[in-house]
Amino acid sequence: MTEVKELILTIVRPLVVHPDKIKLNVKESDDFYEYDLIVQPDDIGRIIGKQGRVAKAIRTIVYSVRIKGGKRVRLNILDAK
């Protein structure tokens, strides 16, 4: 699980202006590990990209990771309010 967290942070840090303010929270449910990526409001556009292409690429990489136990990974991108 920490490998997925480090993977997400490694991908996201170079994309944002405020890498020190990135937060990544993990919630576990019966079927998923849900990662809530929280970035500053002015960085949200950099993470989502035009027509969501950057977010889709990040999710494609993260979702390809297999975790023991059969659970899947879900990535939610949020802005800090």
C-alpha atoms as a PDB file:
ATOM      1  CA  MET A   1       0.000   0.000   0.000  1.00  0.00           C
ATOM      2  CA  THR A   2       2.858   2.407   0.681  1.00  0.00           C
ATOM      3  CA  GLU A   3       4.245   1.628  -2.766  1.00  0.00           C
ATOM      4  CA  VAL A   4       1.060   2.934  -4.377  1.00  0.00           C
ATOM      5  CA  LYS A   5       1.225   6.068  -2.250  1.00  0.00           C
ATOM      6  CA  GLU A   6       4.825   6.714  -3.275  1.00  0.00           C
ATOM      7  CA  LEU A   7       3.938   6.041  -6.920  1.00  0.00           C
ATOM      8  CA  ILE A   8       1.164   8.645  -6.847  1.00  0.00           C
ATOM      9  CA  LEU A   9       3.360  11.220  -5.118  1.00  0.00           C
ATOM     10  CA  THR A  10       6.240  10.572  -7.531  1.00  0.00           C
ATOM     11  CA  ILE A  11       3.960  11.218 -10.502  1.00  0.00           C
ATOM     12  CA  VAL A  12       2.175  14.261  -9.059  1.00  0.00           C
ATOM     13  CA  ARG A  13       4.984  16.246  -7.388  1.00  0.00           C
ATOM     14  CA  PRO A  14       6.675  17.451 -10.623  1.00  0.00           C
ATOM     15  CA  LEU A  15       3.323  18.580 -12.049  1.00  0.00           C
ATOM     16  CA  VAL A  16       2.303  21.039  -9.342  1.00  0.00           C
ATOM     17  CA  VAL A  17       3.542  24.449  -8.201  1.00  0.00           C
ATOM     18  CA  HIS A  18       3.114  23.627  -4.489  1.00  0.00           C
ATOM     19  CA  PRO A  19       4.485  20.079  -4.043  1.00  0.00           C
ATOM     20  CA  ASP A  20       4.904  20.609  -0.287  1.00  0.00           C
ATOM     21  CA  LYS A  21       1.135  21.082   0.138  1.00  0.00           C
ATOM     22  CA  ILE A  22       0.070  17.797  -1.454  1.00  0.00           C
ATOM     23  CA  LYS A  23      -1.926  15.525   0.839  1.00  0.00           C
ATOM     24  CA  LEU A  24      -2.753  11.915   0.130  1.00  0.00           C
ATOM     25  CA  ASN A  25      -5.256  10.156   2.365  1.00  0.00           C
ATOM     26  CA  VAL A  26      -6.063   6.451   2.148  1.00  0.00           C
ATOM     27  CA  LYS A  27      -9.407   4.873   2.990  1.00  0.00           C
ATOM     28  CA  GLU A  28     -10.005   1.141   2.846  1.00  0.00           C
ATOM     29  CA  SER A  29     -13.361  -0.382   1.948  1.00  0.00           C
ATOM     30  CA  ASP A  30     -14.387  -3.952   1.163  1.00  0.00           C
ATOM     31  CA  ASP A  31     -13.410  -3.723  -2.518  1.00  0.00           C
ATOM     32  CA  PHE A  32     -11.112  -0.713  -2.826  1.00  0.00           C
ATOM     33  CA  TYR A  33      -8.235   1.261  -1.436  1.00  0.00           C
ATOM     34  CA  GLU A  34      -9.387   4.828  -2.057  1.00  0.00           C
ATOM     35  CA  TYR A  35      -6.643   7.405  -2.358  1.00  0.00           C
ATOM     36  CA  ASP A  36      -7.797  11.012  -1.955  1.00  0.00           C
ATOM     37  CA  LEU A  37      -5.252  13.299  -3.596  1.00  0.00           C
ATOM     38  CA  ILE A  38      -5.651  16.836  -2.265  1.00  0.00           C
ATOM     39  CA  VAL A  39      -3.817  19.673  -4.013  1.00  0.00           C
ATOM     40  CA  GLN A  40      -4.049  23.459  -3.930  1.00  0.00           C
ATOM     41  CA  PRO A  41      -6.844  25.032  -6.019  1.00  0.00           C
ATOM     42  CA  ASP A  42      -4.390  26.597  -8.475  1.00  0.00           C
ATOM     43  CA  ASP A  43      -2.738  23.178  -9.027  1.00  0.00           C
ATOM     44  CA  ILE A  44      -5.930  21.240  -9.740  1.00  0.00           C
ATOM     45  CA  GLY A  45      -5.883  22.205 -13.423  1.00  0.00           C
ATOM     46  CA  ARG A  46      -2.339  20.912 -13.780  1.00  0.00           C
ATOM     47  CA  ILE A  47      -3.351  17.540 -12.367  1.00  0.00           C
ATOM     48  CA  ILE A  48      -6.525  17.204 -14.422  1.00  0.00           C
ATOM     49  CA  GLY A  49      -5.077  18.586 -17.661  1.00  0.00           C
ATOM     50  CA  LYS A  50      -6.919  19.490 -20.849  1.00  0.00           C
ATOM     51  CA  GLN A  51     -10.033  17.374 -21.198  1.00  0.00           C
ATOM     52  CA  GLY A  52      -8.832  15.271 -18.251  1.00  0.00           C
ATOM     53  CA  ARG A  53      -5.965  13.682 -20.143  1.00  0.00           C
ATOM     54  CA  VAL A  54      -3.369  14.023 -17.372  1.00  0.00           C
ATOM     55  CA  ALA A  55      -5.755  12.666 -14.729  1.00  0.00           C
ATOM     56  CA  LYS A  56      -6.665   9.771 -17.016  1.00  0.00           C
ATOM     57  CA  ALA A  57      -2.992   8.938 -17.564  1.00  0.00           C
ATOM     58  CA  ILE A  58      -2.262   9.045 -13.821  1.00  0.00           C
ATOM     59  CA  ARG A  59      -5.253   6.812 -13.103  1.00  0.00           C
ATOM     60  CA  THR A  60      -4.218   4.351 -15.826  1.00  0.00           C
ATOM     61  CA  ILE A  61      -0.821   3.916 -14.201  1.00  0.00           C
ATOM     62  CA  VAL A  62      -2.169   3.698 -10.650  1.00  0.00           C
ATOM     63  CA  TYR A  63      -5.020   1.326 -11.550  1.00  0.00           C
ATOM     64  CA  SER A  64      -2.588  -1.084 -13.202  1.00  0.00           C
ATOM     65  CA  VAL A  65      -0.977  -1.844  -9.817  1.00  0.00           C
ATOM     66  CA  ARG A  66      -2.124  -5.165  -8.391  1.00  0.00           C
ATOM     67  CA  ILE A  67      -2.522  -5.476  -4.640  1.00  0.00           C
ATOM     68  CA  LYS A  68      -2.633  -8.673  -2.628  1.00  0.00           C
ATOM     69  CA  GLY A  69      -6.082  -9.620  -1.442  1.00  0.00           C
ATOM     70  CA  GLY A  70      -7.886  -8.772  -4.665  1.00  0.00           C
ATOM     71  CA  LYS A  71      -8.699  -5.196  -3.751  1.00  0.00           C
ATOM     72  CA  ARG A  72      -8.504  -2.507  -6.392  1.00  0.00           C
ATOM     73  CA  VAL A  73      -7.197   1.041  -6.236  1.00  0.00           C
ATOM     74  CA  ARG A  74      -9.338   4.145  -6.753  1.00  0.00           C
ATOM     75  CA  LEU A  75      -7.892   7.658  -7.076  1.00  0.00           C
ATOM     76  CA  ASN A  76      -9.970  10.744  -6.225  1.00  0.00           C
ATOM     77  CA  ILE A  77      -8.535  14.158  -7.111  1.00  0.00           C
ATOM     78  CA  LEU A  78      -9.698  16.945  -4.791  1.00  0.00           C
ATOM     79  CA  ASP A  79      -8.744  20.557  -4.191  1.00  0.00           C
ATOM     80  CA  ALA A  80      -7.960  21.963  -0.760  1.00  0.00           C
ATOM     81  CA  LYS A  81     -10.603  24.421   0.332  1.00  0.00           C
END
